[in-house]
Amino acid sequence: MLVKYWMSKPVITIDIEDAMQDAKALLAKHEIRMLPVMEKGKLVGVVTDRDVKKASASSIAALKPCDIHKTAEIKIKEIMTGDPMTVPFDLTIEETAETILLNKISGMPVLDHERDLVGIITLSDICRVIFFLTGFGEKGIQFAIQLTDKHHTLKEITDIIRSYGCRVSSILTSYDGVLEGHRKVYIRIFDIDRPFLESLMEEIREKATLLYIIDHNERKRMIF
């Protein structure tokens, strides 16, 4: 899953010669936390809501009450982070998420192969990817199971689910925290007749260890 399919665009930017108050207004208006800073059409930095708040607080503290109005004269170039971290538009979401987490930043500008700004990717965008992959936005029912890591075991489970007329929306796999030769699988399903849910659970138990089931529509959960 590439960044170019999930980045936010068009990008709200600000010029290096603009005032800090302009950044504050743009951040509030568009409900965002970061603005790429441009100079003659090229990316030269980023300014965040944290930068604006920090600069405002320190400036106010250093000024006399009669000079508070001078905070409006502070330029973006005085508070921005220059030479910002960026991400190419054809990088994967996983690679991008790792960079964001390791560097403890909220997001990065996205550049094309000509180094032109084409978007911005943030933690919020990455959360949207998680919602998409898990199918959470559609609610439904999620099963978490642990089973042997053989090519046929997962198919047996999905065949059972489909035999009940269910639609499988997403399947995620993890090898963390399991015994060797096993894996955890998270399956989200739709369209089951509720009276048959217990029967489906029992059939799954015959093939795998059922860890939990969460019915997002009925707001019920069972942890085993």
C-alpha atoms as a PDB file:
ATOM      1  CA  MET A   1       0.000   0.000   0.000  1.00  0.00           C
ATOM      2  CA  LEU A   2       1.745   3.102  -1.254  1.00  0.00           C
ATOM      3  CA  VAL A   3       1.774   6.541   0.329  1.00  0.00           C
ATOM      4  CA  LYS A   4       0.399   8.194  -2.824  1.00  0.00           C
ATOM      5  CA  TYR A   5      -2.935   6.420  -2.345  1.00  0.00           C
ATOM      6  CA  TRP A   6      -3.364   7.537   1.284  1.00  0.00           C
ATOM      7  CA  MET A   7      -1.681  10.925   1.575  1.00  0.00           C
ATOM      8  CA  SER A   8      -3.728  14.066   2.151  1.00  0.00           C
ATOM      9  CA  LYS A   9      -4.045  16.353  -0.857  1.00  0.00           C
ATOM     10  CA  PRO A  10      -4.219  19.039  -2.060  1.00  0.00           C
ATOM     11  CA  VAL A  11      -1.715  20.319   0.475  1.00  0.00           C
ATOM     12  CA  ILE A  12      -2.303  23.462   2.516  1.00  0.00           C
ATOM     13  CA  THR A  13       1.019  25.332   2.499  1.00  0.00           C
ATOM     14  CA  ILE A  14       2.438  28.608   3.732  1.00  0.00           C
ATOM     15  CA  ASP A  15       5.157  30.872   2.377  1.00  0.00           C
ATOM     16  CA  ILE A  16       8.426  31.349   4.226  1.00  0.00           C
ATOM     17  CA  GLU A  17       7.836  35.118   4.396  1.00  0.00           C
ATOM     18  CA  ASP A  18       4.311  34.844   5.808  1.00  0.00           C
ATOM     19  CA  ALA A  19       3.600  35.761   9.416  1.00  0.00           C
ATOM     20  CA  MET A  20       3.219  33.301  12.278  1.00  0.00           C
ATOM     21  CA  GLN A  21      -0.358  34.508  12.718  1.00  0.00           C
ATOM     22  CA  ASP A  22      -1.099  33.374   9.139  1.00  0.00           C
ATOM     23  CA  ALA A  23       0.035  29.873  10.067  1.00  0.00           C
ATOM     24  CA  LYS A  24      -2.059  29.931  13.200  1.00  0.00           C
ATOM     25  CA  ALA A  25      -5.128  30.900  11.184  1.00  0.00           C
ATOM     26  CA  LEU A  26      -4.559  28.220   8.533  1.00  0.00           C
ATOM     27  CA  LEU A  27      -3.984  25.473  11.089  1.00  0.00           C
ATOM     28  CA  ALA A  28      -7.211  26.383  12.874  1.00  0.00           C
ATOM     29  CA  LYS A  29      -9.286  26.832   9.717  1.00  0.00           C
ATOM     30  CA  HIS A  30      -8.326  23.488   8.175  1.00  0.00           C
ATOM     31  CA  GLU A  31      -8.026  21.620  11.503  1.00  0.00           C
ATOM     32  CA  ILE A  32      -4.524  20.370  10.721  1.00  0.00           C
ATOM     33  CA  ARG A  33      -1.294  20.221  12.692  1.00  0.00           C
ATOM     34  CA  MET A  34       1.386  20.801  10.076  1.00  0.00           C
ATOM     35  CA  LEU A  35       2.037  23.186   7.208  1.00  0.00           C
ATOM     36  CA  PRO A  36       4.755  22.665   4.597  1.00  0.00           C
ATOM     37  CA  VAL A  37       6.722  25.892   4.145  1.00  0.00           C
ATOM     38  CA  MET A  38       7.382  26.964   0.570  1.00  0.00           C
ATOM     39  CA  GLU A  39       9.879  29.350  -1.031  1.00  0.00           C
ATOM     40  CA  LYS A  40       9.534  30.064  -4.742  1.00  0.00           C
ATOM     41  CA  GLY A  41       7.486  26.900  -5.215  1.00  0.00           C
ATOM     42  CA  LYS A  42       9.914  24.582  -3.420  1.00  0.00           C
ATOM     43  CA  LEU A  43       9.628  22.932  -0.006  1.00  0.00           C
ATOM     44  CA  VAL A  44      12.069  24.465   2.491  1.00  0.00           C
ATOM     45  CA  GLY A  45      10.577  23.526   5.857  1.00  0.00           C
ATOM     46  CA  VAL A  46       7.564  22.668   7.953  1.00  0.00           C
ATOM     47  CA  VAL A  47       5.783  24.511  10.729  1.00  0.00           C
ATOM     48  CA  THR A  48       3.522  22.756  13.200  1.00  0.00           C
ATOM     49  CA  ASP A  49       0.886  23.843  15.661  1.00  0.00           C
ATOM     50  CA  ARG A  50       3.430  23.097  18.389  1.00  0.00           C
ATOM     51  CA  ASP A  51       5.942  25.476  16.777  1.00  0.00           C
ATOM     52  CA  VAL A  52       3.325  28.229  16.678  1.00  0.00           C
ATOM     53  CA  LYS A  53       2.262  27.704  20.289  1.00  0.00           C
ATOM     54  CA  LYS A  54       5.845  27.566  21.522  1.00  0.00           C
ATOM     55  CA  ALA A  55       6.858  30.701  19.611  1.00  0.00           C
ATOM     56  CA  SER A  56       3.766  32.571  20.778  1.00  0.00           C
ATOM     57  CA  ALA A  57       4.347  31.687  24.426  1.00  0.00           C
ATOM     58  CA  SER A  58       8.062  32.536  24.428  1.00  0.00           C
ATOM     59  CA  SER A  59       7.521  35.788  22.538  1.00  0.00           C
ATOM     60  CA  ILE A  60       4.764  36.951  24.858  1.00  0.00           C
ATOM     61  CA  ALA A  61       6.923  36.150  27.877  1.00  0.00           C
ATOM     62  CA  ALA A  62       9.818  38.198  26.486  1.00  0.00           C
ATOM     63  CA  LEU A  63       7.782  41.248  25.550  1.00  0.00           C
ATOM     64  CA  LYS A  64       6.426  44.049  27.632  1.00  0.00           C
ATOM     65  CA  PRO A  65       2.603  44.166  27.826  1.00  0.00           C
ATOM     66  CA  CYS A  66       2.544  47.221  25.559  1.00  0.00           C
ATOM     67  CA  ASP A  67       4.500  45.338  22.857  1.00  0.00           C
ATOM     68  CA  ILE A  68       2.387  42.155  22.662  1.00  0.00           C
ATOM     69  CA  HIS A  69       1.137  43.243  19.241  1.00  0.00           C
ATOM     70  CA  LYS A  70       4.638  42.626  17.905  1.00  0.00           C
ATOM     71  CA  THR A  71       4.054  38.860  17.961  1.00  0.00           C
ATOM     72  CA  ALA A  72       2.150  39.397  14.711  1.00  0.00           C
ATOM     73  CA  GLU A  73       5.441  40.427  13.110  1.00  0.00           C
ATOM     74  CA  ILE A  74       7.114  37.052  13.681  1.00  0.00           C
ATOM     75  CA  LYS A  75       7.868  35.377  10.354  1.00  0.00           C
ATOM     76  CA  ILE A  76       7.460  31.700   9.477  1.00  0.00           C
ATOM     77  CA  LYS A  77      11.159  31.468   8.661  1.00  0.00           C
ATOM     78  CA  GLU A  78      11.937  32.295  12.292  1.00  0.00           C
ATOM     79  CA  ILE A  79       9.964  29.390  13.777  1.00  0.00           C
ATOM     80  CA  MET A  80       9.904  26.680  11.093  1.00  0.00           C
ATOM     81  CA  THR A  81      11.952  23.489  10.988  1.00  0.00           C
ATOM     82  CA  GLY A  82      14.202  23.713   7.953  1.00  0.00           C
ATOM     83  CA  ASP A  83      15.311  20.810   5.749  1.00  0.00           C
ATOM     84  CA  PRO A  84      12.378  18.663   6.969  1.00  0.00           C
ATOM     85  CA  MET A  85      12.114  14.898   6.766  1.00  0.00           C
ATOM     86  CA  THR A  86      10.148  13.897   3.678  1.00  0.00           C
ATOM     87  CA  VAL A  87       8.819  10.706   2.138  1.00  0.00           C
ATOM     88  CA  PRO A  88       8.660   9.704  -1.555  1.00  0.00           C
ATOM     89  CA  PHE A  89       5.160   9.110  -2.854  1.00  0.00           C
ATOM     90  CA  ASP A  90       5.950   5.503  -3.825  1.00  0.00           C
ATOM     91  CA  LEU A  91       7.090   4.412  -0.361  1.00  0.00           C
ATOM     92  CA  THR A  92       4.846   1.955   1.472  1.00  0.00           C
ATOM     93  CA  ILE A  93       2.636   2.929   4.380  1.00  0.00           C
ATOM     94  CA  GLU A  94       4.504   0.464   6.616  1.00  0.00           C
ATOM     95  CA  GLU A  95       7.881   2.068   5.866  1.00  0.00           C
ATOM     96  CA  THR A  96       6.418   5.511   6.420  1.00  0.00           C
ATOM     97  CA  ALA A  97       4.796   4.538   9.724  1.00  0.00           C
ATOM     98  CA  GLU A  98       8.147   3.202  10.964  1.00  0.00           C
ATOM     99  CA  THR A  99       9.886   6.485  10.118  1.00  0.00           C
ATOM    100  CA  ILE A 100       7.183   8.559  11.807  1.00  0.00           C
ATOM    101  CA  LEU A 101       7.243   6.442  14.974  1.00  0.00           C
ATOM    102  CA  LEU A 102      11.031   6.180  15.243  1.00  0.00           C
ATOM    103  CA  ASN A 103      11.454   9.931  14.841  1.00  0.00           C
ATOM    104  CA  LYS A 104       8.446  10.798  17.020  1.00  0.00           C
ATOM    105  CA  ILE A 105       6.934  13.174  14.484  1.00  0.00           C
ATOM    106  CA  SER A 106       3.310  13.745  13.504  1.00  0.00           C
ATOM    107  CA  GLY A 107       3.780  13.471   9.758  1.00  0.00           C
ATOM    108  CA  MET A 108       5.894  14.302   6.707  1.00  0.00           C
ATOM    109  CA  PRO A 109       5.555  16.105   3.385  1.00  0.00           C
ATOM    110  CA  VAL A 110       5.332  13.771   0.372  1.00  0.00           C
ATOM    111  CA  LEU A 111       7.513  14.427  -2.699  1.00  0.00           C
ATOM    112  CA  ASP A 112       7.478  13.040  -6.224  1.00  0.00           C
ATOM    113  CA  HIS A 113      10.573  12.000  -8.171  1.00  0.00           C
ATOM    114  CA  GLU A 114      11.222  15.630  -9.164  1.00  0.00           C
ATOM    115  CA  ARG A 115      11.218  16.601  -5.469  1.00  0.00           C
ATOM    116  CA  ASP A 116       7.991  18.533  -5.915  1.00  0.00           C
ATOM    117  CA  LEU A 117       5.478  18.599  -3.065  1.00  0.00           C
ATOM    118  CA  VAL A 118       2.476  16.381  -3.896  1.00  0.00           C
ATOM    119  CA  GLY A 119       0.918  15.640  -0.513  1.00  0.00           C
ATOM    120  CA  ILE A 120       1.364  15.152   3.206  1.00  0.00           C
ATOM    121  CA  ILE A 121       1.105  11.944   5.219  1.00  0.00           C
ATOM    122  CA  THR A 122       0.226  12.017   8.928  1.00  0.00           C
ATOM    123  CA  LEU A 123      -0.584   9.657  11.757  1.00  0.00           C
ATOM    124  CA  SER A 124      -4.260  10.325  11.057  1.00  0.00           C
ATOM    125  CA  ASP A 125      -3.817   9.077   7.500  1.00  0.00           C
ATOM    126  CA  ILE A 126      -2.119   5.923   8.777  1.00  0.00           C
ATOM    127  CA  CYS A 127      -5.038   5.348  11.157  1.00  0.00           C
ATOM    128  CA  ARG A 128      -7.347   5.506   8.134  1.00  0.00           C
ATOM    129  CA  VAL A 129      -5.325   2.690   6.579  1.00  0.00           C
ATOM    130  CA  ILE A 130      -5.810   0.585   9.713  1.00  0.00           C
ATOM    131  CA  PHE A 131      -9.571   1.166   9.578  1.00  0.00           C
ATOM    132  CA  PHE A 132      -9.567   0.138   5.924  1.00  0.00           C
ATOM    133  CA  LEU A 133      -7.493  -3.013   6.417  1.00  0.00           C
ATOM    134  CA  THR A 134      -9.498  -4.233   9.387  1.00  0.00           C
ATOM    135  CA  GLY A 135     -12.879  -3.279   7.942  1.00  0.00           C
ATOM    136  CA  PHE A 136     -13.715  -1.582  11.228  1.00  0.00           C
ATOM    137  CA  GLY A 137     -15.718   1.206   9.628  1.00  0.00           C
ATOM    138  CA  GLU A 138     -18.306  -1.348   8.540  1.00  0.00           C
ATOM    139  CA  LYS A 139     -18.538  -2.808  12.068  1.00  0.00           C
ATOM    140  CA  GLY A 140     -19.551  -6.482  11.679  1.00  0.00           C
ATOM    141  CA  ILE A 141     -18.152  -9.308  13.823  1.00  0.00           C
ATOM    142  CA  GLN A 142     -14.469  -9.964  14.422  1.00  0.00           C
ATOM    143  CA  PHE A 143     -13.043 -13.325  15.439  1.00  0.00           C
ATOM    144  CA  ALA A 144      -9.534 -13.702  16.851  1.00  0.00           C
ATOM    145  CA  ILE A 145      -8.204 -17.238  16.653  1.00  0.00           C
ATOM    146  CA  GLN A 146      -4.932 -19.101  17.093  1.00  0.00           C
ATOM    147  CA  LEU A 147      -4.219 -22.012  14.784  1.00  0.00           C
ATOM    148  CA  THR A 148      -1.398 -24.121  13.406  1.00  0.00           C
ATOM    149  CA  ASP A 149       0.604 -22.435  10.681  1.00  0.00           C
ATOM    150  CA  LYS A 150      -0.211 -24.779   7.821  1.00  0.00           C
ATOM    151  CA  HIS A 151      -1.468 -23.816   4.387  1.00  0.00           C
ATOM    152  CA  HIS A 152      -4.828 -25.546   4.760  1.00  0.00           C
ATOM    153  CA  THR A 153      -5.830 -24.506   8.289  1.00  0.00           C
ATOM    154  CA  LEU A 154      -6.946 -20.978   7.495  1.00  0.00           C
ATOM    155  CA  LYS A 155      -8.880 -22.181   4.445  1.00  0.00           C
ATOM    156  CA  GLU A 156     -10.755 -24.641   6.638  1.00  0.00           C
ATOM    157  CA  ILE A 157     -11.823 -21.777   8.904  1.00  0.00           C
ATOM    158  CA  THR A 158     -12.921 -19.488   6.080  1.00  0.00           C
ATOM    159  CA  ASP A 159     -14.795 -22.370   4.418  1.00  0.00           C
ATOM    160  CA  ILE A 160     -16.719 -22.904   7.655  1.00  0.00           C
ATOM    161  CA  ILE A 161     -17.551 -19.201   7.885  1.00  0.00           C
ATOM    162  CA  ARG A 162     -18.747 -19.038   4.279  1.00  0.00           C
ATOM    163  CA  SER A 163     -20.865 -22.154   4.751  1.00  0.00           C
ATOM    164  CA  TYR A 164     -23.021 -19.997   7.050  1.00  0.00           C
ATOM    165  CA  GLY A 165     -23.603 -17.511   4.244  1.00  0.00           C
ATOM    166  CA  CYS A 166     -21.189 -14.974   5.741  1.00  0.00           C
ATOM    167  CA  ARG A 167     -19.077 -12.452   3.865  1.00  0.00           C
ATOM    168  CA  VAL A 168     -15.430 -12.276   4.931  1.00  0.00           C
ATOM    169  CA  SER A 169     -14.347  -8.633   4.917  1.00  0.00           C
ATOM    170  CA  SER A 170     -10.746  -8.817   6.138  1.00  0.00           C
ATOM    171  CA  ILE A 171      -8.151 -11.325   7.321  1.00  0.00           C
ATOM    172  CA  LEU A 172      -5.070 -10.209   9.267  1.00  0.00           C
ATOM    173  CA  THR A 173      -2.290 -12.489  10.511  1.00  0.00           C
ATOM    174  CA  SER A 174       0.261 -12.095  13.303  1.00  0.00           C
ATOM    175  CA  TYR A 175       3.079 -14.286  14.623  1.00  0.00           C
ATOM    176  CA  ASP A 176       3.714 -12.209  17.748  1.00  0.00           C
ATOM    177  CA  GLY A 177       3.275 -13.927  21.101  1.00  0.00           C
ATOM    178  CA  VAL A 178       2.463 -17.393  19.759  1.00  0.00           C
ATOM    179  CA  LEU A 179       4.175 -20.751  19.992  1.00  0.00           C
ATOM    180  CA  GLU A 180       6.389 -21.805  17.116  1.00  0.00           C
ATOM    181  CA  GLY A 181       4.355 -23.352  14.338  1.00  0.00           C
ATOM    182  CA  HIS A 182       1.255 -21.301  15.184  1.00  0.00           C
ATOM    183  CA  ARG A 183      -0.191 -17.916  14.244  1.00  0.00           C
ATOM    184  CA  LYS A 184      -2.971 -15.584  15.277  1.00  0.00           C
ATOM    185  CA  VAL A 185      -5.605 -14.659  12.721  1.00  0.00           C
ATOM    186  CA  TYR A 186      -8.167 -11.855  12.927  1.00  0.00           C
ATOM    187  CA  ILE A 187     -11.217 -12.277  10.692  1.00  0.00           C
ATOM    188  CA  ARG A 188     -14.049  -9.769  10.245  1.00  0.00           C
ATOM    189  CA  ILE A 189     -17.333 -11.125   8.900  1.00  0.00           C
ATOM    190  CA  PHE A 190     -20.772  -9.842   7.903  1.00  0.00           C
ATOM    191  CA  ASP A 191     -24.230 -11.172   7.106  1.00  0.00           C
ATOM    192  CA  ILE A 192     -24.497 -13.966   9.654  1.00  0.00           C
ATOM    193  CA  ASP A 193     -27.909 -14.880  11.030  1.00  0.00           C
ATOM    194  CA  ARG A 194     -27.503 -14.215  14.758  1.00  0.00           C
ATOM    195  CA  PRO A 195     -29.234 -17.484  15.847  1.00  0.00           C
ATOM    196  CA  PHE A 196     -26.421 -19.431  14.118  1.00  0.00           C
ATOM    197  CA  LEU A 197     -23.544 -17.517  15.685  1.00  0.00           C
ATOM    198  CA  GLU A 198     -23.085 -19.956  18.567  1.00  0.00           C
ATOM    199  CA  SER A 199     -23.018 -22.886  16.154  1.00  0.00           C
ATOM    200  CA  LEU A 200     -20.392 -21.125  14.032  1.00  0.00           C
ATOM    201  CA  MET A 201     -18.243 -20.526  17.111  1.00  0.00           C
ATOM    202  CA  GLU A 202     -18.365 -24.206  18.025  1.00  0.00           C
ATOM    203  CA  GLU A 203     -17.287 -25.270  14.552  1.00  0.00           C
ATOM    204  CA  ILE A 204     -14.387 -22.837  14.660  1.00  0.00           C
ATOM    205  CA  ARG A 205     -13.347 -24.227  18.056  1.00  0.00           C
ATOM    206  CA  GLU A 206     -13.013 -27.678  16.498  1.00  0.00           C
ATOM    207  CA  LYS A 207     -10.307 -26.351  14.177  1.00  0.00           C
ATOM    208  CA  ALA A 208      -8.611 -23.603  16.179  1.00  0.00           C
ATOM    209  CA  THR A 209      -8.375 -21.845  19.534  1.00  0.00           C
ATOM    210  CA  LEU A 210     -10.928 -19.047  19.746  1.00  0.00           C
ATOM    211  CA  LEU A 211      -9.346 -16.061  21.539  1.00  0.00           C
ATOM    212  CA  TYR A 212     -12.206 -13.577  21.396  1.00  0.00           C
ATOM    213  CA  ILE A 213     -15.233 -12.500  19.422  1.00  0.00           C
ATOM    214  CA  ILE A 214     -16.458  -8.922  19.175  1.00  0.00           C
ATOM    215  CA  ASP A 215     -19.858  -8.074  17.734  1.00  0.00           C
ATOM    216  CA  HIS A 216     -19.528  -4.385  16.859  1.00  0.00           C
ATOM    217  CA  ASN A 217     -23.126  -4.067  15.737  1.00  0.00           C
ATOM    218  CA  GLU A 218     -24.577  -5.425  18.974  1.00  0.00           C
ATOM    219  CA  ARG A 219     -21.721  -3.960  21.053  1.00  0.00           C
ATOM    220  CA  LYS A 220     -21.018  -7.303  22.677  1.00  0.00           C
ATOM    221  CA  ARG A 221     -17.714  -9.068  23.249  1.00  0.00           C
ATOM    222  CA  MET A 222     -16.593 -12.432  24.565  1.00  0.00           C
ATOM    223  CA  ILE A 223     -12.997 -12.978  25.648  1.00  0.00           C
ATOM    224  CA  PHE A 224     -11.878 -16.597  26.091  1.00  0.00           C
END
